[in-house]
Amino acid sequence: MDEQLRALVEQPEAGDMKRGDLAGIRVVKYKHNTQQWLLAYEVTEETIVLLAHGSHENFYTNLKR
């Protein structure tokens, strides 16, 4: 996760922009060992706000809450 966070600081627009209920939220996917992880965040003027981190199972459902 540390490597992914450093990459986000360098290029905050790297994540996929979501639509609908999650409009304005970006999600980046990465692998650790063999498992895929997702990291959701918002970019404000000079801040990256981390919203959620976890495996794909129920990720978007939990993020909507």
Protein backbone atom coordinates (compact mmCIF):
# COMPACT_ATOMS: atom_id res chain seq x y z
CA MET A 1 0.00 0.00 0.00
CA ASP A 2 2.88 2.38 0.71
CA GLU A 3 4.07 2.16 -2.88
CA GLN A 4 0.56 2.86 -4.16
CA LEU A 5 0.20 5.90 -1.90
CA ARG A 6 3.52 7.31 -3.12
CA ALA A 7 2.35 6.81 -6.71
CA LEU A 8 -0.91 8.67 -5.94
CA VAL A 9 1.00 11.63 -4.53
CA GLU A 10 2.98 11.80 -7.78
CA GLN A 11 -0.05 11.32 -10.05
CA PRO A 12 -3.38 11.79 -8.21
CA GLU A 13 -5.46 11.50 -11.39
CA ALA A 14 -4.25 7.91 -11.96
CA GLY A 15 -7.34 6.24 -10.49
CA ASP A 16 -10.52 5.48 -12.40
CA MET A 17 -13.16 8.17 -11.90
CA LYS A 18 -16.45 6.67 -10.77
CA ARG A 19 -19.92 7.76 -11.87
CA GLY A 20 -23.40 7.71 -10.42
CA ASP A 21 -23.59 7.32 -6.63
CA LEU A 22 -19.80 7.45 -6.41
CA ALA A 23 -19.27 10.50 -8.64
CA GLY A 24 -16.09 12.37 -7.77
CA ILE A 25 -14.42 9.33 -6.21
CA ARG A 26 -11.41 7.70 -7.82
CA VAL A 27 -10.44 4.05 -7.36
CA VAL A 28 -7.09 2.50 -8.10
CA LYS A 29 -6.55 -1.27 -8.22
CA TYR A 30 -3.27 -2.96 -7.36
CA LYS A 31 -2.01 -6.40 -6.47
CA HIS A 32 -0.26 -7.47 -3.30
CA ASN A 33 1.06 -11.01 -3.54
CA THR A 34 -1.77 -12.66 -5.50
CA GLN A 35 -4.71 -10.68 -4.14
CA GLN A 36 -6.17 -7.61 -5.82
CA TRP A 37 -6.79 -4.59 -3.57
CA LEU A 38 -8.74 -1.41 -4.18
CA LEU A 39 -8.07 2.04 -2.81
CA ALA A 40 -10.75 4.74 -3.03
CA TYR A 41 -9.91 8.41 -2.68
CA GLU A 42 -10.99 11.95 -3.51
CA VAL A 43 -8.75 14.73 -4.72
CA THR A 44 -9.44 18.23 -3.42
CA GLU A 45 -7.39 21.33 -4.22
CA GLU A 46 -4.16 20.18 -2.54
CA THR A 47 -5.27 17.14 -0.60
CA ILE A 48 -5.85 13.48 -1.29
CA VAL A 49 -8.53 12.09 1.02
CA LEU A 50 -8.43 8.30 1.45
CA LEU A 51 -11.93 6.87 1.75
CA ALA A 52 -11.63 3.09 1.67
CA HIS A 53 -9.16 0.26 1.20
CA GLY A 54 -9.90 -3.42 0.81
CA SER A 55 -10.48 -6.42 -1.39
CA HIS A 56 -13.09 -6.33 -4.15
CA GLU A 57 -15.72 -8.23 -2.19
CA ASN A 58 -18.42 -5.74 -1.11
CA PHE A 59 -15.96 -2.86 -1.66
CA TYR A 60 -18.30 -0.64 -3.66
CA THR A 61 -21.31 -1.48 -1.48
CA ASN A 62 -19.40 -0.47 1.63
CA LEU A 63 -18.01 2.61 -0.07
CA LYS A 64 -21.54 3.87 -0.88
CA ARG A 65 -22.38 3.80 2.81
